[in-house]
Protein backbone atom coordinates (compact mmCIF):
# COMPACT_ATOMS: atom_id res chain seq x y z
CA MET A 1 5.64 -51.48 -31.28
CA MET A 2 2.89 -48.95 -31.98
CA ARG A 3 3.38 -47.38 -28.55
CA ARG A 4 7.13 -47.17 -29.12
CA ASN A 5 6.63 -45.51 -32.49
CA ALA A 6 4.18 -43.07 -30.91
CA TRP A 7 6.74 -42.14 -28.23
CA LEU A 8 9.41 -41.73 -30.88
CA GLY A 9 7.16 -39.55 -33.02
CA GLY A 10 6.20 -37.45 -30.01
CA GLY A 11 9.84 -36.98 -29.06
CA ILE A 12 10.76 -35.83 -32.53
CA ALA A 13 7.81 -33.44 -32.59
CA ALA A 14 8.84 -32.00 -29.20
CA LEU A 15 12.42 -31.46 -30.33
CA ALA A 16 11.19 -29.81 -33.52
CA LEU A 17 8.96 -27.49 -31.50
CA VAL A 18 11.81 -26.51 -29.17
CA TYR A 19 14.01 -25.75 -32.17
CA TRP A 20 11.32 -23.92 -34.11
CA LEU A 21 10.32 -21.56 -31.29
CA PRO A 22 12.97 -20.50 -28.72
CA THR A 23 16.08 -21.68 -30.56
CA ARG A 24 15.23 -20.09 -33.89
CA GLN A 25 14.16 -16.89 -32.14
CA TRP A 26 17.53 -16.76 -30.40
CA PHE A 27 19.27 -17.33 -33.72
CA SER A 28 17.31 -14.50 -35.36
CA GLY A 29 18.01 -11.87 -32.72
CA TRP A 30 21.34 -12.72 -31.09
CA GLY A 31 22.84 -9.80 -29.19
CA THR A 32 20.14 -7.34 -30.23
CA ALA A 33 17.73 -5.06 -28.43
CA PRO A 34 14.08 -4.82 -29.59
CA GLU A 35 14.70 -1.40 -31.15
CA GLU A 36 17.57 -2.81 -33.21
CA ARG A 37 15.44 -5.60 -34.58
CA ALA A 38 12.73 -3.05 -35.44
CA ARG A 39 15.10 -0.50 -36.97
CA VAL A 40 14.81 0.11 -40.70
CA MET A 41 18.13 -0.53 -42.43
CA PRO A 42 19.11 0.63 -45.95
CA GLY A 43 18.71 -2.77 -47.62
CA ASP A 44 15.39 -3.83 -46.10
CA HIS A 45 13.43 -2.86 -49.23
CA ILE A 46 15.37 -5.15 -51.58
CA ILE A 47 13.40 -8.28 -50.62
CA PRO A 48 9.83 -7.07 -49.89
CA ASN A 49 8.59 -10.39 -48.48
CA PRO A 50 11.55 -12.36 -47.13
CA THR A 51 11.18 -15.95 -46.02
CA LEU A 52 13.54 -15.43 -43.10
CA VAL A 53 15.08 -12.40 -41.40
CA GLY A 54 17.76 -12.47 -38.72
CA THR A 55 19.52 -9.60 -36.96
CA GLY A 56 22.64 -9.84 -34.82
CA ALA A 57 24.65 -7.20 -32.99
CA VAL A 58 27.69 -6.67 -30.85
CA THR A 59 29.12 -3.67 -29.00
CA VAL A 60 32.60 -2.79 -30.21
CA GLU A 61 34.90 -0.72 -28.01
CA ALA A 62 36.07 1.32 -30.97
CA PRO A 63 34.74 4.11 -33.21
CA PRO A 64 33.35 3.36 -36.71
CA GLU A 65 36.63 4.27 -38.41
CA ASP A 66 38.28 1.27 -36.72
CA ILE A 67 35.47 -1.10 -37.75
CA TRP A 68 34.70 -0.02 -41.30
CA PRO A 69 38.00 -1.14 -42.92
CA TRP A 70 37.37 -4.76 -41.87
CA LEU A 71 33.93 -4.75 -43.50
CA VAL A 72 34.99 -3.32 -46.86
CA GLN A 73 37.94 -5.68 -47.26
CA MET A 74 36.11 -8.93 -46.45
CA GLY A 75 35.75 -11.67 -49.04
CA SER A 76 37.63 -14.47 -50.77
CA GLN A 77 41.07 -13.43 -52.04
CA ARG A 78 40.57 -10.33 -49.88
CA GLY A 79 40.41 -9.99 -46.09
CA GLY A 80 38.44 -13.17 -45.41
CA LEU A 81 35.42 -13.75 -43.19
CA TYR A 82 36.94 -13.38 -39.68
CA SER A 83 35.03 -16.47 -38.57
CA TYR A 84 36.22 -20.09 -38.22
CA ASP A 85 38.75 -20.07 -41.05
CA TRP A 86 39.23 -23.82 -41.08
CA LEU A 87 35.52 -24.32 -41.77
CA ASP A 88 35.34 -21.54 -44.36
CA ARG A 89 38.32 -23.04 -46.16
CA LEU A 90 36.97 -26.58 -45.85
CA PHE A 91 33.74 -25.58 -47.60
CA GLY A 92 35.54 -23.51 -50.21
CA PHE A 93 34.44 -20.03 -49.11
CA LEU A 94 38.01 -18.85 -48.54
CA ASP A 95 41.39 -19.61 -50.05
CA ARG A 96 43.53 -18.25 -47.21
CA PRO A 97 43.30 -17.30 -43.52
CA SER A 98 41.39 -14.14 -42.63
CA ALA A 99 43.52 -11.03 -42.37
CA ASN A 100 44.57 -9.58 -39.04
CA GLN A 101 45.62 -6.27 -40.55
CA ILE A 102 44.13 -3.61 -42.77
CA LEU A 103 44.80 -4.30 -46.46
CA PRO A 104 45.04 -0.94 -48.29
CA GLU A 105 44.48 -2.54 -51.72
CA PHE A 106 40.96 -3.61 -50.68
CA GLN A 107 39.78 -0.39 -49.07
CA HIS A 108 38.12 1.04 -52.19
CA LEU A 109 34.68 -0.54 -52.45
CA ALA A 110 31.82 0.94 -54.48
CA VAL A 111 28.21 0.18 -55.42
CA GLY A 112 28.18 -2.49 -58.14
CA ASP A 113 31.41 -4.13 -57.03
CA THR A 114 31.44 -7.89 -56.50
CA ILE A 115 32.69 -9.64 -53.36
CA HIS A 116 33.39 -13.35 -53.74
CA PHE A 117 32.97 -16.07 -51.13
CA GLY A 118 34.14 -19.12 -53.02
CA ARG A 119 31.65 -19.57 -55.87
CA ASP A 120 29.14 -17.16 -54.35
CA GLU A 121 29.03 -13.58 -55.61
CA LEU A 122 27.69 -10.76 -53.47
CA ILE A 123 27.01 -7.48 -55.24
CA VAL A 124 27.34 -4.20 -53.36
CA GLN A 125 23.87 -2.60 -53.42
CA ALA A 126 24.47 0.34 -51.08
CA LEU A 127 27.44 1.81 -49.29
CA GLU A 128 27.66 4.71 -46.85
CA PRO A 129 31.25 5.00 -45.55
CA LEU A 130 31.50 4.47 -41.79
CA ARG A 131 27.74 3.83 -41.64
CA ALA A 132 26.25 1.08 -43.82
CA LEU A 133 27.07 -1.70 -46.28
CA VAL A 134 24.46 -3.75 -48.20
CA LEU A 135 25.26 -6.89 -50.22
CA LEU A 136 23.01 -9.03 -52.45
CA ASP A 137 23.35 -12.66 -53.54
CA THR A 138 20.88 -14.06 -56.09
CA GLY A 139 22.46 -17.45 -56.73
CA HIS A 140 21.11 -20.96 -56.14
CA GLY A 141 17.51 -19.99 -56.95
CA MET A 142 17.20 -17.73 -53.90
CA GLN A 143 17.86 -14.16 -52.81
CA TRP A 144 19.92 -13.10 -49.84
CA VAL A 145 20.55 -9.57 -48.60
CA TRP A 146 23.36 -9.21 -46.07
CA GLN A 147 23.75 -5.79 -44.54
CA PHE A 148 25.71 -4.05 -41.83
CA GLY A 149 25.16 -0.87 -39.88
CA LEU A 150 27.49 1.05 -37.58
CA TYR A 151 25.72 3.01 -34.83
CA PRO A 152 27.97 5.03 -32.47
CA ILE A 153 27.09 4.95 -28.78
CA ASP A 154 29.77 7.45 -27.79
CA ALA A 155 33.25 8.40 -28.97
CA GLN A 156 34.71 4.99 -28.10
CA HIS A 157 31.80 2.52 -28.47
CA THR A 158 29.85 1.45 -31.54
CA ARG A 159 27.04 -1.00 -32.15
CA LEU A 160 27.85 -3.25 -35.10
CA VAL A 161 24.51 -4.57 -36.40
CA GLU A 162 24.23 -7.34 -39.00
CA ARG A 163 21.01 -8.34 -40.74
CA GLY A 164 20.42 -11.17 -43.17
CA ALA A 165 17.18 -11.51 -45.14
CA GLN A 166 16.48 -14.48 -47.39
CA TRP A 167 13.83 -15.43 -49.90
CA ILE A 168 13.59 -19.08 -50.93
CA PRO A 169 11.06 -20.93 -53.10
CA ASN A 170 8.13 -22.32 -51.12
CA THR A 171 9.09 -25.96 -51.61
CA VAL A 172 9.83 -28.77 -49.17
CA VAL A 173 13.35 -29.17 -50.54
CA ALA A 174 14.14 -25.46 -50.15
CA TRP A 175 12.78 -25.35 -46.61
CA LEU A 176 14.64 -28.47 -45.54
CA GLY A 177 17.85 -27.03 -46.97
CA LEU A 178 17.30 -23.75 -45.12
CA LEU A 179 16.63 -25.48 -41.81
CA ALA A 180 19.68 -27.68 -42.28
CA ILE A 181 22.11 -24.79 -42.81
CA GLU A 182 20.53 -22.29 -40.41
CA PRO A 183 22.38 -23.44 -37.24
CA ALA A 184 25.74 -23.45 -39.04
CA GLY A 185 24.97 -20.04 -40.54
CA PHE A 186 24.24 -18.63 -37.10
CA ILE A 187 27.45 -20.05 -35.61
CA MET A 188 29.58 -18.64 -38.43
CA THR A 189 27.87 -15.24 -38.44
CA ARG A 190 28.20 -14.86 -34.68
CA ARG A 191 31.89 -15.64 -34.94
CA PHE A 192 32.16 -13.18 -37.83
CA LEU A 193 30.82 -10.35 -35.64
CA LEU A 194 33.11 -11.28 -32.77
CA GLY A 195 36.05 -11.54 -35.17
CA ILE A 196 35.49 -7.99 -36.39
CA LYS A 197 35.02 -6.78 -32.82
CA GLN A 198 38.36 -8.29 -31.78
CA ARG A 199 40.21 -6.82 -34.77
CA ALA A 200 38.67 -3.37 -34.43
CA GLU A 201 39.44 -3.17 -30.73
CA THR A 202 43.02 -4.27 -31.36
CA LEU A 203 43.32 -1.58 -34.04
CA ARG A 204 41.96 1.07 -31.68
CA ARG A 205 44.45 0.09 -28.96
CA SER A 206 47.36 0.18 -31.39
CA ARG A 207 46.36 3.65 -32.58
CA SER A 208 45.94 4.90 -29.01
CA SER A 209 49.42 3.72 -28.06
CA ASN A 210 51.09 5.54 -30.97
């Protein structure tokens, strides 16, 4: 029995190590180059000592003007999250499917405005049209900065970079909660980036054909 328990404990420890090192590193830098992870973004100063930082990126075959409208209209009762809608609706983040078209009524976003995701409220901290958007959530006893940058490669290609920085209390409960939701957060955020990429490229093609 003792040997069996030792093997079981060793197996759990090995799985934890695999998750903690390569898997979490992949989560925290999906799609990025080293210079993108090192780049200073406008909202980095908001949380001086974050508990966790993750950066993701995707190349969009479209200029910033075809990407920006999808960012500024996102949110509950707005354009949605462009991710797995059935999951976002199941957990109460959204009340309707994500939009597949530009919604003119939600194109006027300013610093201080609030974007809702279910009960969560994200406050616009910084906004540079066609360049950067920074959002802050201070609910649930934590802080979360979610920011986006648009970096043109050439006239028809743009790097869409997303960075999330979190601060949580240094407690076992907070850490266990973070580790529990981190994989789901990565899956949804990755799909979010790909959802914007798909919509922006469709918009570019429709404009080119007109």
